[in-house]
Amino acid sequence: MDITINTPEETQVLAETIGLVADAGDTIILSGDLGAGKTTMTKGIALGLGIDQMIKSPTYTIIREYQHGRIPLYHMDVYRIESDADDLGLDEYFEGEGLSVVEWGKLLGEFLPTDYLDITIIKDPNDIEKRTVSIQAFGVKSESFLKRIQQKMEENV
């Protein structure tokens, strides 16, 4: 599924929709160039989960946990991880009680979960605010997650 986003506000609406329908154990791998909007997307997802804490990029902490929503949010940034992914115990998050959102998650290589929703944000070279958001499901659980997102978006039209 590809979606054209024209403003940061539209990004937030999409992201909140994702958060509204997320279930415990769902995993999102967020990809995109620097400044594409990965953390902005995560902030909107957090709002959809009912989390009103300030969401900060976990670039240097690697993992931030937000417990005060409908389900917990595990926000990860693995950009700075090299070969130490197996030492982080990421499976505990991926199979846990909350939603895992992993920025730069494709860098995990062999430690990438087998079931996840891949969200890639592509900046438009001609418009500073415009983005194309591509969402693809890998695995049965994520296919269900994607269907819930599509249904919720159709309800909101």
Protein backbone atom coordinates (compact mmCIF):
# COMPACT_ATOMS: atom_id res chain seq x y z
CA MET A 1 0.00 0.00 0.00
CA ASP A 2 1.41 3.40 -1.00
CA ILE A 3 0.07 6.66 0.44
CA THR A 4 0.96 10.20 -0.60
CA ILE A 5 1.38 12.54 2.36
CA ASN A 6 1.41 16.28 1.68
CA THR A 7 1.95 17.73 5.16
CA PRO A 8 3.32 16.73 8.57
CA GLU A 9 -0.29 16.85 9.81
CA GLU A 10 -1.28 14.15 7.31
CA THR A 11 1.66 12.07 8.56
CA GLN A 12 0.30 12.42 12.09
CA VAL A 13 -3.22 11.36 11.03
CA LEU A 14 -1.87 8.23 9.32
CA ALA A 15 0.39 7.48 12.28
CA GLU A 16 -2.42 7.92 14.83
CA THR A 17 -4.54 5.51 12.78
CA ILE A 18 -1.73 2.96 12.97
CA GLY A 19 -1.51 3.42 16.74
CA LEU A 20 -5.27 3.09 17.17
CA VAL A 21 -5.34 -0.38 15.60
CA ALA A 22 -2.00 -1.77 16.85
CA ASP A 23 -2.05 -4.90 19.00
CA ALA A 24 0.42 -6.21 21.56
CA GLY A 25 3.22 -8.04 19.78
CA ASP A 26 2.95 -6.02 16.55
CA THR A 27 6.25 -4.79 15.13
CA ILE A 28 6.89 -1.90 12.75
CA ILE A 29 10.18 -1.46 10.91
CA LEU A 30 10.51 2.21 9.92
CA SER A 31 12.81 3.12 7.05
CA GLY A 32 13.66 6.35 5.31
CA ASP A 33 16.47 8.83 4.83
CA LEU A 34 17.53 11.18 7.59
CA GLY A 35 14.76 13.73 8.06
CA ALA A 36 12.14 11.63 6.26
CA GLY A 37 9.84 11.65 9.29
CA LYS A 38 10.47 8.38 11.14
CA THR A 39 10.33 9.99 14.59
CA THR A 40 7.36 12.16 13.55
CA MET A 41 5.59 8.95 12.52
CA THR A 42 6.41 7.36 15.89
CA LYS A 43 5.05 10.42 17.75
CA GLY A 44 1.74 10.04 15.91
CA ILE A 45 1.63 6.30 16.58
CA ALA A 46 2.14 7.07 20.28
CA LEU A 47 -0.83 9.47 20.22
CA GLY A 48 -2.95 6.73 18.64
CA LEU A 49 -1.92 4.45 21.50
CA GLY A 50 -3.02 7.09 24.01
CA ILE A 51 0.52 7.97 25.09
CA ASP A 52 0.83 11.66 25.91
CA GLN A 53 4.48 11.66 26.99
CA MET A 54 7.00 13.52 24.85
CA ILE A 55 8.47 11.03 22.36
CA LYS A 56 12.20 11.49 21.83
CA SER A 57 14.39 9.83 19.26
CA PRO A 58 16.25 6.93 20.88
CA THR A 59 19.31 7.46 18.66
CA TYR A 60 21.80 7.27 21.53
CA THR A 61 19.78 5.25 24.05
CA ILE A 62 18.76 2.66 21.40
CA ILE A 63 15.47 1.76 23.16
CA ARG A 64 12.88 3.95 24.90
CA GLU A 65 9.85 2.42 26.60
CA TYR A 66 6.56 4.27 27.02
CA GLN A 67 4.21 2.40 29.35
CA HIS A 68 1.29 4.80 29.79
CA GLY A 69 -0.94 4.02 26.83
CA ARG A 70 -3.46 1.42 25.71
CA ILE A 71 -0.46 -0.87 25.19
CA PRO A 72 3.23 -0.07 25.78
CA LEU A 73 5.33 1.44 23.00
CA TYR A 74 8.88 0.20 22.52
CA HIS A 75 10.64 2.79 20.36
CA MET A 76 14.02 1.69 19.04
CA ASP A 77 16.66 3.23 16.83
CA VAL A 78 19.26 0.72 15.67
CA TYR A 79 21.18 3.07 13.37
CA ARG A 80 24.25 3.02 15.61
CA ILE A 81 24.22 -0.73 16.26
CA GLU A 82 26.78 -2.70 14.37
CA SER A 83 27.16 -6.36 15.27
CA ASP A 84 25.72 -6.18 18.79
CA ALA A 85 22.03 -6.66 17.94
CA ASP A 86 21.97 -10.13 19.48
CA ASP A 87 23.05 -8.66 22.83
CA LEU A 88 20.05 -6.33 23.08
CA GLY A 89 17.36 -8.97 23.65
CA LEU A 90 15.12 -7.46 20.97
CA ASP A 91 13.01 -10.64 20.74
CA GLU A 92 11.66 -9.87 24.21
CA TYR A 93 10.28 -6.61 22.83
CA PHE A 94 9.07 -8.08 19.52
CA GLU A 95 7.14 -10.80 21.38
CA GLY A 96 6.17 -8.58 24.30
CA GLU A 97 3.10 -6.82 25.59
CA GLY A 98 3.44 -3.74 23.42
CA LEU A 99 4.05 -2.32 19.97
CA SER A 100 7.67 -2.27 18.78
CA VAL A 101 8.65 0.54 16.41
CA VAL A 102 12.19 0.18 15.08
CA GLU A 103 13.81 3.03 13.19
CA TRP A 104 16.46 1.84 10.72
CA GLY A 105 15.29 -1.71 11.50
CA LYS A 106 16.52 -3.23 8.24
CA LEU A 107 20.04 -2.78 9.62
CA LEU A 108 19.23 -5.66 12.00
CA GLY A 109 19.86 -8.13 9.18
CA GLU A 110 19.51 -11.67 10.52
CA PHE A 111 18.04 -10.30 13.79
CA LEU A 112 15.07 -8.75 11.96
CA PRO A 113 11.84 -10.32 13.23
CA THR A 114 10.12 -12.75 10.87
CA ASP A 115 6.73 -10.99 11.16
CA TYR A 116 6.65 -7.21 10.83
CA LEU A 117 5.04 -4.26 9.10
CA ASP A 118 7.54 -2.44 6.91
CA ILE A 119 6.88 1.30 6.64
CA THR A 120 9.18 3.20 4.30
CA ILE A 121 8.97 6.98 4.11
CA ILE A 122 10.34 8.55 0.92
CA LYS A 123 10.91 12.29 0.67
CA ASP A 124 9.79 14.08 -2.49
CA PRO A 125 12.81 15.83 -4.02
CA ASN A 126 10.62 18.68 -5.30
CA ASP A 127 8.48 19.38 -2.21
CA ILE A 128 9.98 19.67 1.27
CA GLU A 129 6.80 18.44 3.02
CA LYS A 130 5.57 15.79 0.60
CA ARG A 131 6.26 12.10 1.31
CA THR A 132 5.30 8.74 -0.11
CA VAL A 133 4.65 6.19 2.63
CA SER A 134 4.89 2.59 1.53
CA ILE A 135 3.45 -0.03 3.90
CA GLN A 136 4.09 -3.73 3.35
CA ALA A 137 3.30 -6.69 5.60
CA PHE A 138 5.69 -9.58 6.18
CA GLY A 139 3.96 -12.40 8.04
CA VAL A 140 0.43 -13.38 9.04
CA LYS A 141 0.20 -11.14 12.12
CA SER A 142 1.39 -8.13 10.13
CA GLU A 143 -1.02 -8.87 7.28
CA SER A 144 -3.81 -8.63 9.85
CA PHE A 145 -2.29 -5.38 11.19
CA LEU A 146 -2.22 -3.89 7.67
CA LYS A 147 -5.87 -4.88 7.09
CA ARG A 148 -6.87 -3.14 10.34
CA ILE A 149 -5.04 0.02 9.20
CA GLN A 150 -6.77 -0.07 5.80
CA GLN A 151 -10.21 -0.59 7.38
CA LYS A 152 -9.70 2.26 9.84
CA MET A 153 -8.56 4.58 7.04
CA GLU A 154 -11.64 3.69 5.01
CA GLU A 155 -13.85 4.50 8.02
CA ASN A 156 -12.21 7.92 8.31
CA VAL A 157 -12.76 8.89 4.65
